[in-house]
Amino acid sequence: AEICGRLEHPGIVPVYGLGYDTKNRPYYAMRFIQGVTLGHAIERLHQPNTNFTDPEWNVEFRKLIRSFISVCQTMAYSHARGIIHRDLKPGNVMLGPYGETLVVDWGL
């Protein structure tokens, strides 16, 4: 939570606050996100019997490429601030319903 709180970037979920509850357990509050993982989107795009010449497939493929570029930009931002993710994988990238691409799970 402290790491994410220091990173202010559109590709990183903002942390709104952190503290301890009444039983002295740590907690943090961050923006609620919805969507699918990049891994799920890749699997969906490469289903068996996929027609790679279908224009709709081409549109979805281009969206994934844009998301990949967004992940690269997010990681460049964090690296420029001395922070390395250490568990970057398609399952830790969320794709929102309006084109958002968010790198999540900075805990390691």
N, C-alpha and C. Protein backbone atom coordinates (compact mmCIF):
# COMPACT_ATOMS: atom_id res chain seq x y z
N ALA A 1 0.82 -1.19 0.00
CA ALA A 1 0.00 0.00 0.00
C ALA A 1 0.87 1.25 0.00
N GLU A 2 1.95 1.23 0.78
CA GLU A 2 2.84 2.40 0.80
C GLU A 2 3.51 2.60 -0.54
N ILE A 3 3.90 1.50 -1.18
CA ILE A 3 4.53 1.60 -2.50
C ILE A 3 3.56 2.20 -3.50
N CYS A 4 2.36 1.63 -3.58
CA CYS A 4 1.35 2.15 -4.52
C CYS A 4 1.00 3.59 -4.20
N GLY A 5 0.98 3.93 -2.92
CA GLY A 5 0.66 5.29 -2.53
C GLY A 5 1.67 6.31 -3.02
N ARG A 6 2.90 5.86 -3.26
CA ARG A 6 3.94 6.77 -3.77
C ARG A 6 3.93 6.87 -5.28
N LEU A 7 3.18 6.01 -5.93
CA LEU A 7 3.14 6.00 -7.40
C LEU A 7 1.82 6.59 -7.88
N GLU A 8 1.90 7.71 -8.53
CA GLU A 8 0.71 8.34 -9.07
C GLU A 8 0.78 8.29 -10.59
N HIS A 9 0.05 7.33 -11.14
CA HIS A 9 0.09 7.08 -12.58
C HIS A 9 -1.24 6.47 -13.00
N PRO A 10 -1.73 6.78 -14.21
CA PRO A 10 -3.01 6.20 -14.65
C PRO A 10 -3.02 4.68 -14.73
N GLY A 11 -1.86 4.05 -14.81
CA GLY A 11 -1.79 2.61 -14.90
C GLY A 11 -1.64 1.91 -13.56
N ILE A 12 -1.73 2.67 -12.46
CA ILE A 12 -1.58 2.11 -11.13
C ILE A 12 -2.79 2.51 -10.30
N VAL A 13 -3.40 1.52 -9.65
CA VAL A 13 -4.60 1.78 -8.85
C VAL A 13 -4.23 2.68 -7.67
N PRO A 14 -4.94 3.79 -7.50
CA PRO A 14 -4.60 4.69 -6.39
C PRO A 14 -5.00 4.12 -5.02
N VAL A 15 -4.14 4.37 -4.05
CA VAL A 15 -4.42 4.01 -2.66
C VAL A 15 -4.95 5.26 -1.97
N TYR A 16 -6.12 5.12 -1.34
CA TYR A 16 -6.75 6.26 -0.70
C TYR A 16 -6.33 6.43 0.76
N GLY A 17 -5.95 5.36 1.39
CA GLY A 17 -5.54 5.48 2.78
C GLY A 17 -5.10 4.14 3.34
N LEU A 18 -4.37 4.19 4.44
CA LEU A 18 -3.96 2.98 5.12
C LEU A 18 -3.89 3.24 6.61
N GLY A 19 -3.98 2.16 7.38
CA GLY A 19 -3.96 2.30 8.83
C GLY A 19 -4.10 0.96 9.51
N TYR A 20 -4.57 1.00 10.76
CA TYR A 20 -4.76 -0.22 11.54
C TYR A 20 -6.18 -0.23 12.07
N ASP A 21 -6.80 -1.42 12.09
CA ASP A 21 -8.16 -1.52 12.62
C ASP A 21 -8.10 -1.65 14.15
N THR A 22 -9.25 -1.88 14.76
CA THR A 22 -9.32 -1.93 16.23
C THR A 22 -8.56 -3.12 16.83
N LYS A 23 -8.27 -4.13 16.01
CA LYS A 23 -7.48 -5.29 16.48
C LYS A 23 -6.02 -5.18 16.06
N ASN A 24 -5.64 -3.97 15.67
CA ASN A 24 -4.26 -3.66 15.27
C ASN A 24 -3.82 -4.41 14.01
N ARG A 25 -4.78 -4.76 13.16
CA ARG A 25 -4.46 -5.39 11.88
C ARG A 25 -4.35 -4.30 10.82
N PRO A 26 -3.32 -4.39 9.98
CA PRO A 26 -3.16 -3.34 8.96
C PRO A 26 -4.24 -3.47 7.87
N TYR A 27 -4.62 -2.34 7.30
CA TYR A 27 -5.56 -2.32 6.18
C TYR A 27 -5.19 -1.18 5.25
N TYR A 28 -5.68 -1.26 4.04
CA TYR A 28 -5.57 -0.12 3.13
C TYR A 28 -6.82 -0.06 2.27
N ALA A 29 -7.12 1.13 1.81
CA ALA A 29 -8.28 1.35 0.95
C ALA A 29 -7.79 1.87 -0.38
N MET A 30 -8.28 1.26 -1.43
CA MET A 30 -7.89 1.69 -2.78
C MET A 30 -9.12 1.71 -3.67
N ARG A 31 -8.95 2.28 -4.85
CA ARG A 31 -10.06 2.36 -5.78
C ARG A 31 -10.52 0.96 -6.17
N PHE A 32 -11.84 0.77 -6.21
CA PHE A 32 -12.42 -0.50 -6.64
C PHE A 32 -12.30 -0.58 -8.17
N ILE A 33 -11.79 -1.68 -8.67
CA ILE A 33 -11.64 -1.84 -10.11
C ILE A 33 -12.43 -3.05 -10.59
N GLN A 34 -12.91 -2.95 -11.81
CA GLN A 34 -13.64 -4.04 -12.45
C GLN A 34 -13.01 -4.32 -13.80
N GLY A 35 -13.20 -5.51 -14.29
CA GLY A 35 -12.70 -5.85 -15.60
C GLY A 35 -12.23 -7.29 -15.65
N VAL A 36 -11.38 -7.56 -16.61
CA VAL A 36 -10.81 -8.90 -16.78
C VAL A 36 -9.30 -8.76 -16.77
N THR A 37 -8.62 -9.86 -16.51
CA THR A 37 -7.17 -9.82 -16.55
C THR A 37 -6.69 -9.85 -18.00
N LEU A 38 -5.49 -9.36 -18.19
CA LEU A 38 -4.88 -9.43 -19.52
C LEU A 38 -4.76 -10.89 -19.95
N GLY A 39 -4.46 -11.78 -19.01
CA GLY A 39 -4.37 -13.20 -19.32
C GLY A 39 -5.67 -13.75 -19.87
N HIS A 40 -6.78 -13.37 -19.24
CA HIS A 40 -8.09 -13.82 -19.71
C HIS A 40 -8.37 -13.27 -21.12
N ALA A 41 -8.04 -12.02 -21.35
CA ALA A 41 -8.28 -11.41 -22.67
C ALA A 41 -7.44 -12.09 -23.75
N ILE A 42 -6.22 -12.46 -23.41
CA ILE A 42 -5.36 -13.15 -24.37
C ILE A 42 -5.94 -14.53 -24.69
N GLU A 43 -6.37 -15.25 -23.65
CA GLU A 43 -6.99 -16.57 -23.87
C GLU A 43 -8.23 -16.46 -24.74
N ARG A 44 -9.05 -15.46 -24.47
CA ARG A 44 -10.28 -15.27 -25.24
C ARG A 44 -9.96 -14.97 -26.71
N LEU A 45 -8.89 -14.23 -26.94
CA LEU A 45 -8.51 -13.87 -28.31
C LEU A 45 -7.96 -15.06 -29.09
N HIS A 46 -7.38 -16.02 -28.39
CA HIS A 46 -6.75 -17.17 -29.06
C HIS A 46 -7.51 -18.46 -28.81
N GLN A 47 -8.82 -18.40 -28.83
CA GLN A 47 -9.66 -19.60 -28.70
C GLN A 47 -9.40 -20.54 -29.89
N PRO A 48 -9.63 -21.84 -29.70
CA PRO A 48 -9.53 -22.75 -30.85
C PRO A 48 -10.49 -22.32 -31.96
N ASN A 49 -10.12 -22.60 -33.16
CA ASN A 49 -10.91 -22.24 -34.36
C ASN A 49 -11.06 -20.73 -34.55
N THR A 50 -10.10 -19.97 -34.06
CA THR A 50 -10.14 -18.52 -34.22
C THR A 50 -9.84 -18.17 -35.68
N ASN A 51 -10.62 -17.25 -36.22
CA ASN A 51 -10.39 -16.74 -37.56
C ASN A 51 -9.56 -15.47 -37.45
N PHE A 52 -8.25 -15.59 -37.68
CA PHE A 52 -7.35 -14.47 -37.52
C PHE A 52 -7.50 -13.42 -38.61
N THR A 53 -8.28 -13.69 -39.62
CA THR A 53 -8.51 -12.70 -40.67
C THR A 53 -9.80 -11.91 -40.42
N ASP A 54 -10.54 -12.26 -39.40
CA ASP A 54 -11.78 -11.56 -39.05
C ASP A 54 -11.45 -10.14 -38.59
N PRO A 55 -12.09 -9.12 -39.16
CA PRO A 55 -11.81 -7.74 -38.75
C PRO A 55 -12.05 -7.51 -37.26
N GLU A 56 -13.02 -8.18 -36.66
CA GLU A 56 -13.27 -8.01 -35.23
C GLU A 56 -12.09 -8.53 -34.41
N TRP A 57 -11.49 -9.63 -34.84
CA TRP A 57 -10.31 -10.16 -34.16
C TRP A 57 -9.19 -9.13 -34.22
N ASN A 58 -9.03 -8.51 -35.39
CA ASN A 58 -7.99 -7.51 -35.58
C ASN A 58 -8.16 -6.33 -34.62
N VAL A 59 -9.40 -5.90 -34.42
CA VAL A 59 -9.68 -4.79 -33.50
C VAL A 59 -9.30 -5.20 -32.07
N GLU A 60 -9.71 -6.39 -31.66
CA GLU A 60 -9.40 -6.86 -30.30
C GLU A 60 -7.90 -7.03 -30.10
N PHE A 61 -7.22 -7.53 -31.13
CA PHE A 61 -5.76 -7.69 -31.06
C PHE A 61 -5.09 -6.33 -30.87
N ARG A 62 -5.54 -5.33 -31.60
CA ARG A 62 -4.97 -3.98 -31.48
C ARG A 62 -5.22 -3.40 -30.09
N LYS A 63 -6.38 -3.68 -29.51
CA LYS A 63 -6.66 -3.23 -28.14
C LYS A 63 -5.66 -3.84 -27.16
N LEU A 64 -5.37 -5.13 -27.35
CA LEU A 64 -4.42 -5.80 -26.46
C LEU A 64 -3.01 -5.23 -26.63
N ILE A 65 -2.64 -4.90 -27.85
CA ILE A 65 -1.32 -4.29 -28.08
C ILE A 65 -1.25 -2.95 -27.38
N ARG A 66 -2.33 -2.14 -27.46
CA ARG A 66 -2.36 -0.86 -26.76
C ARG A 66 -2.24 -1.06 -25.25
N SER A 67 -2.90 -2.09 -24.73
CA SER A 67 -2.81 -2.38 -23.30
C SER A 67 -1.39 -2.79 -22.92
N PHE A 68 -0.75 -3.58 -23.77
CA PHE A 68 0.63 -3.99 -23.51
C PHE A 68 1.55 -2.77 -23.46
N ILE A 69 1.36 -1.85 -24.40
CA ILE A 69 2.16 -0.62 -24.41
C ILE A 69 1.91 0.18 -23.13
N SER A 70 0.66 0.23 -22.68
CA SER A 70 0.33 0.93 -21.44
C SER A 70 1.05 0.29 -20.25
N VAL A 71 1.11 -1.03 -20.21
CA VAL A 71 1.84 -1.72 -19.14
C VAL A 71 3.31 -1.34 -19.20
N CYS A 72 3.88 -1.30 -20.39
CA CYS A 72 5.30 -0.92 -20.54
C CYS A 72 5.53 0.50 -20.02
N GLN A 73 4.64 1.42 -20.33
CA GLN A 73 4.77 2.80 -19.86
C GLN A 73 4.63 2.88 -18.34
N THR A 74 3.70 2.09 -17.79
CA THR A 74 3.52 2.07 -16.34
C THR A 74 4.78 1.54 -15.66
N MET A 75 5.36 0.49 -16.21
CA MET A 75 6.57 -0.07 -15.61
C MET A 75 7.75 0.89 -15.76
N ALA A 76 7.85 1.59 -16.88
CA ALA A 76 8.92 2.58 -17.05
C ALA A 76 8.79 3.68 -15.99
N TYR A 77 7.55 4.10 -15.71
CA TYR A 77 7.30 5.11 -14.68
C TYR A 77 7.77 4.60 -13.31
N SER A 78 7.36 3.38 -12.95
CA SER A 78 7.74 2.86 -11.63
C SER A 78 9.25 2.64 -11.54
N HIS A 79 9.87 2.16 -12.60
CA HIS A 79 11.31 1.93 -12.59
C HIS A 79 12.06 3.25 -12.45
N ALA A 80 11.54 4.31 -13.08
CA ALA A 80 12.19 5.62 -12.97
C ALA A 80 12.16 6.13 -11.53
N ARG A 81 11.26 5.59 -10.72
CA ARG A 81 11.16 5.96 -9.32
C ARG A 81 11.78 4.91 -8.40
N GLY A 82 12.51 3.97 -8.99
CA GLY A 82 13.23 2.97 -8.21
C GLY A 82 12.37 1.84 -7.67
N ILE A 83 11.19 1.65 -8.23
CA ILE A 83 10.29 0.60 -7.75
C ILE A 83 10.11 -0.45 -8.84
N ILE A 84 10.37 -1.71 -8.47
CA ILE A 84 10.24 -2.84 -9.39
C ILE A 84 9.06 -3.69 -8.93
N HIS A 85 8.25 -4.15 -9.86
CA HIS A 85 7.04 -4.91 -9.52
C HIS A 85 7.36 -6.30 -8.97
N ARG A 86 8.20 -7.06 -9.59
CA ARG A 86 8.66 -8.39 -9.20
C ARG A 86 7.67 -9.54 -9.42
N ASP A 87 6.46 -9.24 -9.84
CA ASP A 87 5.50 -10.31 -10.14
C ASP A 87 4.62 -9.91 -11.32
N LEU A 88 5.22 -9.27 -12.30
CA LEU A 88 4.46 -8.81 -13.46
C LEU A 88 4.14 -9.99 -14.36
N LYS A 89 2.85 -10.19 -14.58
CA LYS A 89 2.36 -11.27 -15.43
C LYS A 89 0.96 -10.88 -15.90
N PRO A 90 0.44 -11.54 -16.93
CA PRO A 90 -0.89 -11.18 -17.45
C PRO A 90 -1.99 -11.23 -16.40
N GLY A 91 -1.86 -12.07 -15.40
CA GLY A 91 -2.86 -12.15 -14.35
C GLY A 91 -2.86 -10.96 -13.40
N ASN A 92 -1.79 -10.16 -13.44
CA ASN A 92 -1.68 -8.98 -12.58
C ASN A 92 -1.87 -7.69 -13.36
N VAL A 93 -2.51 -7.80 -14.50
CA VAL A 93 -2.88 -6.62 -15.30
C VAL A 93 -4.38 -6.69 -15.52
N MET A 94 -5.07 -5.65 -15.11
CA MET A 94 -6.53 -5.59 -15.26
C MET A 94 -6.89 -4.68 -16.42
N LEU A 95 -7.84 -5.14 -17.23
CA LEU A 95 -8.36 -4.36 -18.34
C LEU A 95 -9.78 -3.95 -18.00
N GLY A 96 -10.01 -2.66 -17.89
CA GLY A 96 -11.32 -2.15 -17.52
C GLY A 96 -12.25 -2.08 -18.72
N PRO A 97 -13.53 -1.88 -18.46
CA PRO A 97 -14.53 -1.87 -19.54
C PRO A 97 -14.44 -0.65 -20.46
N TYR A 98 -13.68 0.37 -20.06
CA TYR A 98 -13.58 1.59 -20.88
C TYR A 98 -12.17 1.83 -21.39
N GLY A 99 -11.40 0.75 -21.51
CA GLY A 99 -10.05 0.86 -22.06
C GLY A 99 -8.96 1.06 -21.03
N GLU A 100 -9.30 1.03 -19.75
CA GLU A 100 -8.28 1.20 -18.72
C GLU A 100 -7.36 -0.02 -18.69
N THR A 101 -6.10 0.23 -18.43
CA THR A 101 -5.13 -0.84 -18.21
C THR A 101 -4.43 -0.54 -16.90
N LEU A 102 -4.57 -1.44 -15.93
CA LEU A 102 -4.03 -1.21 -14.59
C LEU A 102 -3.13 -2.35 -14.16
N VAL A 103 -1.93 -2.03 -13.72
CA VAL A 103 -1.01 -3.02 -13.16
C VAL A 103 -1.36 -3.12 -11.67
N VAL A 104 -1.66 -4.34 -11.21
CA VAL A 104 -2.09 -4.56 -9.83
C VAL A 104 -1.13 -5.52 -9.11
N ASP A 105 -1.35 -5.72 -7.83
CA ASP A 105 -0.62 -6.66 -6.99
C ASP A 105 0.85 -6.29 -6.87
N TRP A 106 1.11 -5.15 -6.31
CA TRP A 106 2.47 -4.67 -6.09
C TRP A 106 3.06 -5.19 -4.79
N GLY A 107 2.41 -6.16 -4.16
CA GLY A 107 2.78 -6.60 -2.82
C GLY A 107 4.14 -7.29 -2.68
N LEU A 108 4.64 -7.93 -3.72
CA LEU A 108 5.93 -8.59 -3.58
C LEU A 108 7.07 -7.60 -3.61
